[in-house]
Amino acid sequence: MNLRYLYVIPGLLFVTIVLFLIDLYIGSADIPFFKAVFSIFSSADNTEPYVYIIKEIRFPRVVTALFAGMALAVAGLQMQTIFRNPLAGPYVLGISSGSSLGVALVILGASVFGYSFTGFLANAGVVIAALTGAAFILLLILSVSVRVKDVMTILILGILFGGATSAIVSVLQFFSSEYALKSYVVWTLGSLSGVTSDQLYVIVPLVVTGLTIAFVLSKKLDTYLLGEYYAKSLGSNVFLLRLMSFISTCLLAGTVTAFCGPLGFIGIAAPHISRMLLKSSKHITLIISSVFTGSVMMLTADILSQLPGSDKVLPINSVTALLGIPVVIWIIARNYRYSKMM
């Protein structure tokens, strides 16, 4: 057994809990720390100002950050294994672009084609459109993978599909009104604050389902990491493994994109940090470690985005990029150094 697991996982769990409580405390309204924490369990009426702020504004945001970090990290880990590419992430198959196209058809299409959604239909339409767009790209990739067995070719096709959807979005942006364009741009910046407590009843089950699939596939992913032929020799159905991994990734990354916007780099960086901490390639431990690593990174990003001491809030997508890009640069530099040594 990897002895690092005995202190790395509990350490990550402890840091996650601490950051969760700090994120709950941070905000423009000055609420004492212990009052903020115990407000979650308080039976006081939500008409109390501080109870309403904690239960209806901060708590949904922090829980969303927790599950978004889990989802993106595990989705990235699966894609890096399936494509055997250290820079593969949740959006490498064009899932993010597919979600963006779906949202663009709701927000920008209303301006271009003259239809409109208001109230509940507007919010539900954005979520459904984002998930549908992600699923559409996934179906395209799966239909191609039936004939094309090379994973790098599938990877390139995913990037091309993503580019095609981005081109369609650009056309919609060109013809849309200023108000619709502004609404879409705000969505692309990413936000955890827009998630309500009722929407958590949708986010949490979808993310848990995606994570469960990843846990079930963990042993198969161990064999796949050693090569397709080796996996087949042990009786693994490689196509089914890819299919289930894609479905898991669609649920994880698609759900986060639908509710929070396209959040980048966490899915690439978190799995590498987990490997560095555990010094292991065993997926059952990497998935557990990635769950906590992704949560730590997303909670940290949310805390930083709140600009403690200020009433301003930064776009969460910008903060995740600033956290993740240095890790990506380190990955590229390390791989280049190793290739020069060989």
C-alpha atoms as a PDB file:
ATOM      1  CA  MET A   1       0.000   0.000   0.000  1.00  0.00           C
ATOM      2  CA  ASN A   2       1.208   3.509  -0.820  1.00  0.00           C
ATOM      3  CA  LEU A   3       2.018   5.026   2.593  1.00  0.00           C
ATOM      4  CA  ARG A   4       1.617   8.533   1.164  1.00  0.00           C
ATOM      5  CA  TYR A   5      -2.094   7.814   0.912  1.00  0.00           C
ATOM      6  CA  LEU A   6      -2.325   7.623   4.721  1.00  0.00           C
ATOM      7  CA  TYR A   7      -1.416  11.267   5.227  1.00  0.00           C
ATOM      8  CA  VAL A   8      -2.036  12.937   1.846  1.00  0.00           C
ATOM      9  CA  ILE A   9      -5.771  12.166   1.697  1.00  0.00           C
ATOM     10  CA  PRO A  10      -6.508  13.161   5.332  1.00  0.00           C
ATOM     11  CA  GLY A  11      -4.397  16.288   4.798  1.00  0.00           C
ATOM     12  CA  LEU A  12      -6.363  17.240   1.674  1.00  0.00           C
ATOM     13  CA  LEU A  13      -9.635  16.552   3.513  1.00  0.00           C
ATOM     14  CA  PHE A  14      -8.580  18.841   6.360  1.00  0.00           C
ATOM     15  CA  VAL A  15      -7.569  21.637   3.972  1.00  0.00           C
ATOM     16  CA  THR A  16     -10.866  21.244   2.100  1.00  0.00           C
ATOM     17  CA  ILE A  17     -12.883  21.636   5.313  1.00  0.00           C
ATOM     18  CA  VAL A  18     -10.853  24.688   6.394  1.00  0.00           C
ATOM     19  CA  LEU A  19     -11.241  26.377   3.000  1.00  0.00           C
ATOM     20  CA  PHE A  20     -14.961  25.529   2.944  1.00  0.00           C
ATOM     21  CA  LEU A  21     -15.460  27.350   6.258  1.00  0.00           C
ATOM     22  CA  ILE A  22     -13.281  30.300   5.203  1.00  0.00           C
ATOM     23  CA  ASP A  23     -15.194  30.630   1.926  1.00  0.00           C
ATOM     24  CA  LEU A  24     -18.446  30.562   3.871  1.00  0.00           C
ATOM     25  CA  TYR A  25     -17.159  33.388   6.059  1.00  0.00           C
ATOM     26  CA  ILE A  26     -15.755  35.579   3.256  1.00  0.00           C
ATOM     27  CA  GLY A  27     -18.169  38.063   1.705  1.00  0.00           C
ATOM     28  CA  SER A  28     -19.135  41.717   1.401  1.00  0.00           C
ATOM     29  CA  ALA A  29     -21.391  41.469   4.478  1.00  0.00           C
ATOM     30  CA  ASP A  30     -19.444  41.418   7.755  1.00  0.00           C
ATOM     31  CA  ILE A  31     -20.696  38.355   9.646  1.00  0.00           C
ATOM     32  CA  PRO A  32     -18.693  36.910  12.577  1.00  0.00           C
ATOM     33  CA  PHE A  33     -16.992  33.615  11.709  1.00  0.00           C
ATOM     34  CA  PHE A  34     -18.770  31.362  14.209  1.00  0.00           C
ATOM     35  CA  LYS A  35     -22.120  32.961  13.504  1.00  0.00           C
ATOM     36  CA  ALA A  36     -21.558  32.310   9.787  1.00  0.00           C
ATOM     37  CA  VAL A  37     -20.689  28.640  10.412  1.00  0.00           C
ATOM     38  CA  PHE A  38     -23.502  27.882  12.848  1.00  0.00           C
ATOM     39  CA  SER A  39     -26.057  29.678  10.661  1.00  0.00           C
ATOM     40  CA  ILE A  40     -26.056  26.612   8.401  1.00  0.00           C
ATOM     41  CA  PHE A  41     -27.529  24.521  11.205  1.00  0.00           C
ATOM     42  CA  SER A  42     -29.655  27.312  12.649  1.00  0.00           C
ATOM     43  CA  SER A  43     -33.419  26.861  12.819  1.00  0.00           C
ATOM     44  CA  ALA A  44     -33.880  30.630  12.755  1.00  0.00           C
ATOM     45  CA  ASP A  45     -36.191  32.063  10.129  1.00  0.00           C
ATOM     46  CA  ASN A  46     -34.534  33.081   6.860  1.00  0.00           C
ATOM     47  CA  THR A  47     -35.951  36.553   7.382  1.00  0.00           C
ATOM     48  CA  GLU A  48     -33.013  37.121   9.736  1.00  0.00           C
ATOM     49  CA  PRO A  49     -30.553  39.012   7.490  1.00  0.00           C
ATOM     50  CA  TYR A  50     -27.401  37.066   8.352  1.00  0.00           C
ATOM     51  CA  VAL A  51     -29.201  33.698   8.216  1.00  0.00           C
ATOM     52  CA  TYR A  52     -30.582  34.522   4.756  1.00  0.00           C
ATOM     53  CA  ILE A  53     -27.146  35.615   3.501  1.00  0.00           C
ATOM     54  CA  ILE A  54     -25.487  32.403   4.705  1.00  0.00           C
ATOM     55  CA  LYS A  55     -28.185  29.904   3.738  1.00  0.00           C
ATOM     56  CA  GLU A  56     -29.423  31.389   0.472  1.00  0.00           C
ATOM     57  CA  ILE A  57     -26.343  33.133  -0.945  1.00  0.00           C
ATOM     58  CA  ARG A  58     -23.044  31.901   0.477  1.00  0.00           C
ATOM     59  CA  PHE A  59     -23.819  28.251   1.252  1.00  0.00           C
ATOM     60  CA  PRO A  60     -25.090  27.392  -2.284  1.00  0.00           C
ATOM     61  CA  ARG A  61     -22.043  29.179  -3.765  1.00  0.00           C
ATOM     62  CA  VAL A  62     -19.544  27.308  -1.569  1.00  0.00           C
ATOM     63  CA  VAL A  63     -21.193  23.912  -2.125  1.00  0.00           C
ATOM     64  CA  THR A  64     -21.160  24.607  -5.864  1.00  0.00           C
ATOM     65  CA  ALA A  65     -17.429  25.390  -5.677  1.00  0.00           C
ATOM     66  CA  LEU A  66     -16.866  22.128  -3.796  1.00  0.00           C
ATOM     67  CA  PHE A  67     -18.675  19.941  -6.323  1.00  0.00           C
ATOM     68  CA  ALA A  68     -17.425  21.874  -9.361  1.00  0.00           C
ATOM     69  CA  GLY A  69     -13.836  21.256  -8.257  1.00  0.00           C
ATOM     70  CA  MET A  70     -14.546  17.550  -7.774  1.00  0.00           C
ATOM     71  CA  ALA A  71     -16.240  17.252 -11.158  1.00  0.00           C
ATOM     72  CA  LEU A  72     -13.608  19.058 -13.224  1.00  0.00           C
ATOM     73  CA  ALA A  73     -10.676  17.262 -11.563  1.00  0.00           C
ATOM     74  CA  VAL A  74     -12.061  13.750 -12.053  1.00  0.00           C
ATOM     75  CA  ALA A  75     -13.197  14.548 -15.605  1.00  0.00           C
ATOM     76  CA  GLY A  76      -9.666  15.744 -16.381  1.00  0.00           C
ATOM     77  CA  LEU A  77      -8.102  12.625 -14.864  1.00  0.00           C
ATOM     78  CA  GLN A  78     -10.253  10.364 -17.028  1.00  0.00           C
ATOM     79  CA  MET A  79      -9.481  12.276 -20.210  1.00  0.00           C
ATOM     80  CA  GLN A  80      -5.737  12.279 -19.520  1.00  0.00           C
ATOM     81  CA  THR A  81      -5.889   8.500 -19.122  1.00  0.00           C
ATOM     82  CA  ILE A  82      -8.103   7.827 -22.131  1.00  0.00           C
ATOM     83  CA  PHE A  83      -5.992   9.999 -24.446  1.00  0.00           C
ATOM     84  CA  ARG A  84      -2.695   9.323 -22.651  1.00  0.00           C
ATOM     85  CA  ASN A  85      -2.033  13.045 -22.963  1.00  0.00           C
ATOM     86  CA  PRO A  86      -0.916  15.086 -19.922  1.00  0.00           C
ATOM     87  CA  LEU A  87      -2.594  18.233 -21.296  1.00  0.00           C
ATOM     88  CA  ALA A  88      -5.988  16.650 -21.884  1.00  0.00           C
ATOM     89  CA  GLY A  89      -8.795  18.179 -19.845  1.00  0.00           C
ATOM     90  CA  PRO A  90     -12.576  18.086 -19.486  1.00  0.00           C
ATOM     91  CA  TYR A  91     -13.005  20.339 -22.513  1.00  0.00           C
ATOM     92  CA  VAL A  92     -10.621  18.521 -24.837  1.00  0.00           C
ATOM     93  CA  LEU A  93     -13.538  16.795 -26.587  1.00  0.00           C
ATOM     94  CA  GLY A  94     -15.298  20.078 -27.262  1.00  0.00           C
ATOM     95  CA  ILE A  95     -17.777  19.555 -24.416  1.00  0.00           C
ATOM     96  CA  SER A  96     -17.337  23.133 -23.241  1.00  0.00           C
ATOM     97  CA  SER A  97     -17.784  24.459 -26.757  1.00  0.00           C
ATOM     98  CA  GLY A  98     -20.903  22.335 -27.183  1.00  0.00           C
ATOM     99  CA  SER A  99     -22.333  23.742 -23.964  1.00  0.00           C
ATOM    100  CA  SER A 100     -21.430  27.258 -25.073  1.00  0.00           C
ATOM    101  CA  LEU A 101     -23.239  26.694 -28.375  1.00  0.00           C
ATOM    102  CA  GLY A 102     -26.352  25.533 -26.537  1.00  0.00           C
ATOM    103  CA  VAL A 103     -26.313  28.584 -24.276  1.00  0.00           C
ATOM    104  CA  ALA A 104     -25.619  30.866 -27.250  1.00  0.00           C
ATOM    105  CA  LEU A 105     -28.690  29.502 -29.051  1.00  0.00           C
ATOM    106  CA  VAL A 106     -30.808  30.426 -26.010  1.00  0.00           C
ATOM    107  CA  ILE A 107     -29.286  33.822 -25.187  1.00  0.00           C
ATOM    108  CA  LEU A 108     -28.056  35.066 -28.565  1.00  0.00           C
ATOM    109  CA  GLY A 109     -30.554  33.138 -30.678  1.00  0.00           C
ATOM    110  CA  ALA A 110     -33.392  34.956 -28.939  1.00  0.00           C
ATOM    111  CA  SER A 111     -31.997  38.196 -30.328  1.00  0.00           C
ATOM    112  CA  VAL A 112     -31.191  36.869 -33.793  1.00  0.00           C
ATOM    113  CA  PHE A 113     -34.309  34.745 -34.441  1.00  0.00           C
ATOM    114  CA  GLY A 114     -36.837  36.777 -32.471  1.00  0.00           C
ATOM    115  CA  TYR A 115     -38.013  34.308 -29.824  1.00  0.00           C
ATOM    116  CA  SER A 116     -37.766  35.010 -26.093  1.00  0.00           C
ATOM    117  CA  PHE A 117     -37.667  33.268 -22.719  1.00  0.00           C
ATOM    118  CA  THR A 118     -38.435  34.900 -19.386  1.00  0.00           C
ATOM    119  CA  GLY A 119     -38.348  33.906 -15.723  1.00  0.00           C
ATOM    120  CA  PHE A 120     -38.022  30.184 -15.023  1.00  0.00           C
ATOM    121  CA  LEU A 121     -37.921  29.255 -18.721  1.00  0.00           C
ATOM    122  CA  ALA A 122     -34.905  31.499 -19.250  1.00  0.00           C
ATOM    123  CA  ASN A 123     -32.882  29.908 -16.438  1.00  0.00           C
ATOM    124  CA  ALA A 124     -33.998  26.353 -17.204  1.00  0.00           C
ATOM    125  CA  GLY A 125     -33.437  26.935 -20.911  1.00  0.00           C
ATOM    126  CA  VAL A 126     -29.787  27.885 -20.357  1.00  0.00           C
ATOM    127  CA  VAL A 127     -29.113  24.771 -18.243  1.00  0.00           C
ATOM    128  CA  ILE A 128     -30.937  22.375 -20.574  1.00  0.00           C
ATOM    129  CA  ALA A 129     -29.307  23.925 -23.646  1.00  0.00           C
ATOM    130  CA  ALA A 130     -25.823  23.638 -22.102  1.00  0.00           C
ATOM    131  CA  LEU A 131     -26.311  19.963 -21.213  1.00  0.00           C
ATOM    132  CA  THR A 132     -27.856  19.236 -24.618  1.00  0.00           C
ATOM    133  CA  GLY A 133     -24.946  20.919 -26.408  1.00  0.00           C
ATOM    134  CA  ALA A 134     -22.424  18.886 -24.409  1.00  0.00           C
ATOM    135  CA  ALA A 135     -24.333  15.662 -25.120  1.00  0.00           C
ATOM    136  CA  PHE A 136     -24.525  16.513 -28.851  1.00  0.00           C
ATOM    137  CA  ILE A 137     -20.745  16.861 -29.138  1.00  0.00           C
ATOM    138  CA  LEU A 138     -20.342  13.641 -27.142  1.00  0.00           C
ATOM    139  CA  LEU A 139     -22.601  11.763 -29.568  1.00  0.00           C
ATOM    140  CA  LEU A 140     -20.556  13.063 -32.510  1.00  0.00           C
ATOM    141  CA  ILE A 141     -17.347  11.862 -30.874  1.00  0.00           C
ATOM    142  CA  LEU A 142     -18.858   8.464 -30.085  1.00  0.00           C
ATOM    143  CA  SER A 143     -20.151   8.015 -33.631  1.00  0.00           C
ATOM    144  CA  VAL A 144     -16.659   8.749 -34.951  1.00  0.00           C
ATOM    145  CA  SER A 145     -14.967   6.468 -32.411  1.00  0.00           C
ATOM    146  CA  VAL A 146     -16.942   3.493 -33.747  1.00  0.00           C
ATOM    147  CA  ARG A 147     -14.904   3.704 -36.958  1.00  0.00           C
ATOM    148  CA  VAL A 148     -11.762   5.485 -35.755  1.00  0.00           C
ATOM    149  CA  LYS A 149      -9.843   3.577 -33.102  1.00  0.00           C
ATOM    150  CA  ASP A 150      -6.850   5.899 -32.711  1.00  0.00           C
ATOM    151  CA  VAL A 151      -7.332   8.029 -29.590  1.00  0.00           C
ATOM    152  CA  MET A 152      -5.173  10.894 -30.895  1.00  0.00           C
ATOM    153  CA  THR A 153      -7.334  11.145 -34.006  1.00  0.00           C
ATOM    154  CA  ILE A 154     -10.431  11.303 -31.790  1.00  0.00           C
ATOM    155  CA  LEU A 155      -8.715  13.992 -29.730  1.00  0.00           C
ATOM    156  CA  ILE A 156      -8.029  16.086 -32.839  1.00  0.00           C
ATOM    157  CA  LEU A 157     -11.596  15.613 -34.063  1.00  0.00           C
ATOM    158  CA  GLY A 158     -12.883  16.779 -30.683  1.00  0.00           C
ATOM    159  CA  ILE A 159     -10.839  19.953 -31.023  1.00  0.00           C
ATOM    160  CA  LEU A 160     -12.166  20.458 -34.561  1.00  0.00           C
ATOM    161  CA  PHE A 161     -15.776  19.983 -33.428  1.00  0.00           C
ATOM    162  CA  GLY A 162     -15.111  22.518 -30.674  1.00  0.00           C
ATOM    163  CA  GLY A 163     -13.725  24.941 -33.257  1.00  0.00           C
ATOM    164  CA  ALA A 164     -16.792  24.499 -35.460  1.00  0.00           C
ATOM    165  CA  THR A 165     -19.187  25.233 -32.596  1.00  0.00           C
ATOM    166  CA  SER A 166     -17.123  28.290 -31.635  1.00  0.00           C
ATOM    167  CA  ALA A 167     -17.440  29.548 -35.214  1.00  0.00           C
ATOM    168  CA  ILE A 168     -21.245  29.214 -35.054  1.00  0.00           C
ATOM    169  CA  VAL A 169     -21.259  31.095 -31.744  1.00  0.00           C
ATOM    170  CA  SER A 170     -19.189  33.882 -33.341  1.00  0.00           C
ATOM    171  CA  VAL A 171     -21.782  34.233 -36.119  1.00  0.00           C
ATOM    172  CA  LEU A 172     -24.568  34.461 -33.535  1.00  0.00           C
ATOM    173  CA  GLN A 173     -22.585  37.088 -31.630  1.00  0.00           C
ATOM    174  CA  PHE A 174     -22.161  39.161 -34.780  1.00  0.00           C
ATOM    175  CA  PHE A 175     -25.921  39.349 -35.452  1.00  0.00           C
ATOM    176  CA  SER A 176     -27.163  39.589 -31.841  1.00  0.00           C
ATOM    177  CA  SER A 177     -28.187  42.703 -29.942  1.00  0.00           C
ATOM    178  CA  GLU A 178     -25.925  44.477 -27.451  1.00  0.00           C
ATOM    179  CA  TYR A 179     -27.996  43.302 -24.468  1.00  0.00           C
ATOM    180  CA  ALA A 180     -27.936  39.642 -25.549  1.00  0.00           C
ATOM    181  CA  LEU A 181     -24.220  39.821 -26.330  1.00  0.00           C
ATOM    182  CA  LYS A 182     -23.484  41.286 -22.900  1.00  0.00           C
ATOM    183  CA  SER A 183     -25.517  38.532 -21.196  1.00  0.00           C
ATOM    184  CA  TYR A 184     -23.617  35.838 -23.074  1.00  0.00           C
ATOM    185  CA  VAL A 185     -20.199  37.368 -22.351  1.00  0.00           C
ATOM    186  CA  VAL A 186     -21.077  37.544 -18.632  1.00  0.00           C
ATOM    187  CA  TRP A 187     -21.973  33.828 -18.730  1.00  0.00           C
ATOM    188  CA  THR A 188     -18.644  32.928 -20.365  1.00  0.00           C
ATOM    189  CA  LEU A 189     -16.759  34.662 -17.520  1.00  0.00           C
ATOM    190  CA  GLY A 190     -18.099  32.032 -15.136  1.00  0.00           C
ATOM    191  CA  SER A 191     -19.866  32.467 -11.819  1.00  0.00           C
ATOM    192  CA  LEU A 192     -20.666  30.354  -8.778  1.00  0.00           C
ATOM    193  CA  SER A 193     -22.948  32.971  -7.239  1.00  0.00           C
ATOM    194  CA  GLY A 194     -25.821  32.394  -9.641  1.00  0.00           C
ATOM    195  CA  VAL A 195     -26.545  28.895  -8.333  1.00  0.00           C
ATOM    196  CA  THR A 196     -29.548  28.725  -6.004  1.00  0.00           C
ATOM    197  CA  SER A 197     -30.221  26.243  -3.217  1.00  0.00           C
ATOM    198  CA  ASP A 198     -32.910  24.596  -5.374  1.00  0.00           C
ATOM    199  CA  GLN A 199     -30.445  24.092  -8.232  1.00  0.00           C
ATOM    200  CA  LEU A 200     -28.135  22.176  -5.894  1.00  0.00           C
ATOM    201  CA  TYR A 201     -30.716  19.374  -6.014  1.00  0.00           C
ATOM    202  CA  VAL A 202     -29.839  19.040  -9.705  1.00  0.00           C
ATOM    203  CA  ILE A 203     -26.087  19.681  -9.576  1.00  0.00           C
ATOM    204  CA  VAL A 204     -25.231  17.312  -6.717  1.00  0.00           C
ATOM    205  CA  PRO A 205     -26.982  14.162  -8.095  1.00  0.00           C
ATOM    206  CA  LEU A 206     -25.519  14.689 -11.589  1.00  0.00           C
ATOM    207  CA  VAL A 207     -21.976  15.156 -10.256  1.00  0.00           C
ATOM    208  CA  VAL A 208     -22.323  12.206  -7.860  1.00  0.00           C
ATOM    209  CA  THR A 209     -23.496  10.023 -10.771  1.00  0.00           C
ATOM    210  CA  GLY A 210     -20.473  11.041 -12.861  1.00  0.00           C
ATOM    211  CA  LEU A 211     -18.109  10.401  -9.945  1.00  0.00           C
ATOM    212  CA  THR A 212     -19.682   6.995  -9.290  1.00  0.00           C
ATOM    213  CA  ILE A 213     -19.087   5.957 -12.899  1.00  0.00           C
ATOM    214  CA  ALA A 214     -15.445   7.047 -12.566  1.00  0.00           C
ATOM    215  CA  PHE A 215     -14.986   4.977  -9.390  1.00  0.00           C
ATOM    216  CA  VAL A 216     -16.523   1.913 -11.062  1.00  0.00           C
ATOM    217  CA  LEU A 217     -14.137   2.317 -14.024  1.00  0.00           C
ATOM    218  CA  SER A 218     -11.024   2.828 -11.866  1.00  0.00           C
ATOM    219  CA  LYS A 219      -9.588  -0.710 -12.272  1.00  0.00           C
ATOM    220  CA  LYS A 220     -10.288  -0.731 -16.003  1.00  0.00           C
ATOM    221  CA  LEU A 221      -8.524   2.629 -16.322  1.00  0.00           C
ATOM    222  CA  ASP A 222      -5.456   1.123 -14.604  1.00  0.00           C
ATOM    223  CA  THR A 223      -5.189  -1.533 -17.311  1.00  0.00           C
ATOM    224  CA  TYR A 224      -5.974   0.962 -20.099  1.00  0.00           C
ATOM    225  CA  LEU A 225      -3.102   3.146 -18.921  1.00  0.00           C
ATOM    226  CA  LEU A 226      -0.719   0.353 -19.950  1.00  0.00           C
ATOM    227  CA  GLY A 227      -2.085   0.284 -23.498  1.00  0.00           C
ATOM    228  CA  GLU A 228      -5.183  -0.775 -25.408  1.00  0.00           C
ATOM    229  CA  TYR A 229      -3.821  -4.183 -26.393  1.00  0.00           C
ATOM    230  CA  TYR A 230      -2.867  -4.959 -22.804  1.00  0.00           C
ATOM    231  CA  ALA A 231      -6.328  -3.927 -21.642  1.00  0.00           C
ATOM    232  CA  LYS A 232      -7.955  -6.134 -24.295  1.00  0.00           C
ATOM    233  CA  SER A 233      -5.732  -9.072 -23.320  1.00  0.00           C
ATOM    234  CA  LEU A 234      -7.156  -8.812 -19.785  1.00  0.00           C
ATOM    235  CA  GLY A 235     -10.693  -8.931 -21.112  1.00  0.00           C
ATOM    236  CA  SER A 236     -11.534  -5.228 -21.027  1.00  0.00           C
ATOM    237  CA  ASN A 237     -14.008  -3.868 -23.553  1.00  0.00           C
ATOM    238  CA  VAL A 238     -12.073  -0.800 -24.688  1.00  0.00           C
ATOM    239  CA  PHE A 239     -14.973   0.746 -26.592  1.00  0.00           C
ATOM    240  CA  LEU A 240     -17.291   0.390 -23.606  1.00  0.00           C
ATOM    241  CA  LEU A 241     -14.598   1.863 -21.349  1.00  0.00           C
ATOM    242  CA  ARG A 242     -14.262   4.908 -23.613  1.00  0.00           C
ATOM    243  CA  LEU A 243     -18.053   5.228 -23.854  1.00  0.00           C
ATOM    244  CA  MET A 244     -18.547   5.188 -20.084  1.00  0.00           C
ATOM    245  CA  SER A 245     -15.619   7.573 -19.552  1.00  0.00           C
ATOM    246  CA  PHE A 246     -17.101   9.996 -22.085  1.00  0.00           C
ATOM    247  CA  ILE A 247     -20.516   9.780 -20.408  1.00  0.00           C
ATOM    248  CA  SER A 248     -18.938  10.417 -17.008  1.00  0.00           C
ATOM    249  CA  THR A 249     -17.001  13.375 -18.397  1.00  0.00           C
ATOM    250  CA  CYS A 250     -20.126  14.775 -20.060  1.00  0.00           C
ATOM    251  CA  LEU A 251     -22.061  14.575 -16.786  1.00  0.00           C
ATOM    252  CA  LEU A 252     -19.238  16.126 -14.768  1.00  0.00           C
ATOM    253  CA  ALA A 253     -17.960  18.859 -17.093  1.00  0.00           C
ATOM    254  CA  GLY A 254     -21.336  19.460 -18.754  1.00  0.00           C
ATOM    255  CA  THR A 255     -23.112  20.028 -15.446  1.00  0.00           C
ATOM    256  CA  VAL A 256     -20.460  22.467 -14.206  1.00  0.00           C
ATOM    257  CA  THR A 257     -20.489  24.363 -17.503  1.00  0.00           C
ATOM    258  CA  ALA A 258     -24.290  24.505 -17.543  1.00  0.00           C
ATOM    259  CA  PHE A 259     -24.598  26.057 -14.095  1.00  0.00           C
ATOM    260  CA  CYS A 260     -21.293  27.916 -13.655  1.00  0.00           C
ATOM    261  CA  GLY A 261     -20.058  28.724 -17.154  1.00  0.00           C
ATOM    262  CA  PRO A 262     -16.897  27.391 -18.828  1.00  0.00           C
ATOM    263  CA  LEU A 263     -14.291  27.052 -16.046  1.00  0.00           C
ATOM    264  CA  GLY A 264     -10.869  26.153 -17.389  1.00  0.00           C
ATOM    265  CA  PHE A 265      -7.543  24.688 -16.236  1.00  0.00           C
ATOM    266  CA  ILE A 266      -8.732  23.078 -12.977  1.00  0.00           C
ATOM    267  CA  GLY A 267      -9.358  19.840 -14.862  1.00  0.00           C
ATOM    268  CA  ILE A 268      -5.846  19.838 -16.300  1.00  0.00           C
ATOM    269  CA  ALA A 269      -3.948  20.899 -13.188  1.00  0.00           C
ATOM    270  CA  ALA A 270      -5.672  18.976 -10.366  1.00  0.00           C
ATOM    271  CA  PRO A 271      -4.881  15.417 -11.604  1.00  0.00           C
ATOM    272  CA  HIS A 272      -1.186  16.289 -11.985  1.00  0.00           C
ATOM    273  CA  ILE A 273      -1.033  17.720  -8.478  1.00  0.00           C
ATOM    274  CA  SER A 274      -2.634  14.485  -7.222  1.00  0.00           C
ATOM    275  CA  ARG A 275      -0.052  12.358  -9.012  1.00  0.00           C
ATOM    276  CA  MET A 276       2.733  14.510  -7.616  1.00  0.00           C
ATOM    277  CA  LEU A 277       1.399  14.170  -4.055  1.00  0.00           C
ATOM    278  CA  LEU A 278       0.734  10.412  -4.179  1.00  0.00           C
ATOM    279  CA  LYS A 279       3.520   9.288  -6.530  1.00  0.00           C
ATOM    280  CA  SER A 280       1.045   6.728  -7.826  1.00  0.00           C
ATOM    281  CA  SER A 281      -0.817   5.877 -11.014  1.00  0.00           C
ATOM    282  CA  LYS A 282      -3.503   3.765  -9.321  1.00  0.00           C
ATOM    283  CA  HIS A 283      -6.801   5.325 -10.319  1.00  0.00           C
ATOM    284  CA  ILE A 284      -8.851   4.531  -7.230  1.00  0.00           C
ATOM    285  CA  THR A 285      -6.445   6.592  -5.100  1.00  0.00           C
ATOM    286  CA  LEU A 286      -5.957   9.224  -7.809  1.00  0.00           C
ATOM    287  CA  ILE A 287      -9.717   9.752  -8.119  1.00  0.00           C
ATOM    288  CA  ILE A 288     -10.060  10.247  -4.352  1.00  0.00           C
ATOM    289  CA  SER A 289      -7.057  12.578  -4.302  1.00  0.00           C
ATOM    290  CA  SER A 290      -8.308  14.488  -7.359  1.00  0.00           C
ATOM    291  CA  VAL A 291     -11.725  14.975  -5.721  1.00  0.00           C
ATOM    292  CA  PHE A 292     -10.094  16.812  -2.819  1.00  0.00           C
ATOM    293  CA  THR A 293      -7.415  18.555  -4.916  1.00  0.00           C
ATOM    294  CA  GLY A 294     -10.030  19.923  -7.312  1.00  0.00           C
ATOM    295  CA  SER A 295     -12.165  21.065  -4.386  1.00  0.00           C
ATOM    296  CA  VAL A 296      -9.192  22.796  -2.752  1.00  0.00           C
ATOM    297  CA  MET A 297      -8.319  24.601  -5.991  1.00  0.00           C
ATOM    298  CA  MET A 298     -11.900  25.695  -6.699  1.00  0.00           C
ATOM    299  CA  LEU A 299     -12.532  26.839  -3.116  1.00  0.00           C
ATOM    300  CA  THR A 300      -9.248  28.776  -3.212  1.00  0.00           C
ATOM    301  CA  ALA A 301     -10.278  30.360  -6.518  1.00  0.00           C
ATOM    302  CA  ASP A 302     -13.665  31.326  -5.070  1.00  0.00           C
ATOM    303  CA  ILE A 303     -12.049  32.886  -1.986  1.00  0.00           C
ATOM    304  CA  LEU A 304      -9.656  34.885  -4.145  1.00  0.00           C
ATOM    305  CA  SER A 305     -12.467  35.954  -6.477  1.00  0.00           C
ATOM    306  CA  GLN A 306     -14.319  37.471  -3.524  1.00  0.00           C
ATOM    307  CA  LEU A 307     -11.411  39.930  -3.056  1.00  0.00           C
ATOM    308  CA  PRO A 308     -11.509  39.790   0.774  1.00  0.00           C
ATOM    309  CA  GLY A 309     -11.924  43.275   2.203  1.00  0.00           C
ATOM    310  CA  SER A 310     -13.608  44.547  -0.963  1.00  0.00           C
ATOM    311  CA  ASP A 311     -17.177  44.610  -2.270  1.00  0.00           C
ATOM    312  CA  LYS A 312     -15.975  43.609  -5.760  1.00  0.00           C
ATOM    313  CA  VAL A 313     -16.061  40.063  -7.166  1.00  0.00           C
ATOM    314  CA  LEU A 314     -13.730  38.809  -9.898  1.00  0.00           C
ATOM    315  CA  PRO A 315     -14.909  36.437 -12.666  1.00  0.00           C
ATOM    316  CA  ILE A 316     -14.181  32.924 -11.373  1.00  0.00           C
ATOM    317  CA  ASN A 317     -12.897  31.818 -14.797  1.00  0.00           C
ATOM    318  CA  SER A 318     -10.088  34.383 -14.628  1.00  0.00           C
ATOM    319  CA  VAL A 319      -8.999  33.183 -11.189  1.00  0.00           C
ATOM    320  CA  THR A 320      -9.018  29.486 -12.144  1.00  0.00           C
ATOM    321  CA  ALA A 321      -6.874  30.355 -15.168  1.00  0.00           C
ATOM    322  CA  LEU A 322      -4.345  32.194 -12.995  1.00  0.00           C
ATOM    323  CA  LEU A 323      -4.196  29.182 -10.660  1.00  0.00           C
ATOM    324  CA  GLY A 324      -4.057  26.520 -13.367  1.00  0.00           C
ATOM    325  CA  ILE A 325      -1.791  28.049 -16.016  1.00  0.00           C
ATOM    326  CA  PRO A 326       1.404  27.890 -13.888  1.00  0.00           C
ATOM    327  CA  VAL A 327       0.763  24.163 -13.375  1.00  0.00           C
ATOM    328  CA  VAL A 328       0.271  23.633 -17.115  1.00  0.00           C
ATOM    329  CA  ILE A 329       3.529  25.506 -17.835  1.00  0.00           C
ATOM    330  CA  TRP A 330       5.292  23.310 -15.264  1.00  0.00           C
ATOM    331  CA  ILE A 331       3.902  20.167 -16.964  1.00  0.00           C
ATOM    332  CA  ILE A 332       5.172  21.277 -20.381  1.00  0.00           C
ATOM    333  CA  ALA A 333       8.599  22.237 -18.990  1.00  0.00           C
ATOM    334  CA  ARG A 334       8.941  18.950 -17.107  1.00  0.00           C
ATOM    335  CA  ASN A 335       7.971  16.839 -20.137  1.00  0.00           C
ATOM    336  CA  TYR A 336      10.411  18.794 -22.322  1.00  0.00           C
ATOM    337  CA  ARG A 337      13.218  18.279 -19.802  1.00  0.00           C
ATOM    338  CA  TYR A 338      12.542  14.532 -19.634  1.00  0.00           C
ATOM    339  CA  SER A 339      12.441  14.238 -23.439  1.00  0.00           C
ATOM    340  CA  LYS A 340      15.866  15.951 -23.687  1.00  0.00           C
ATOM    341  CA  MET A 341      17.326  13.538 -21.127  1.00  0.00           C
ATOM    342  CA  MET A 342      16.204  10.435 -23.052  1.00  0.00           C
END
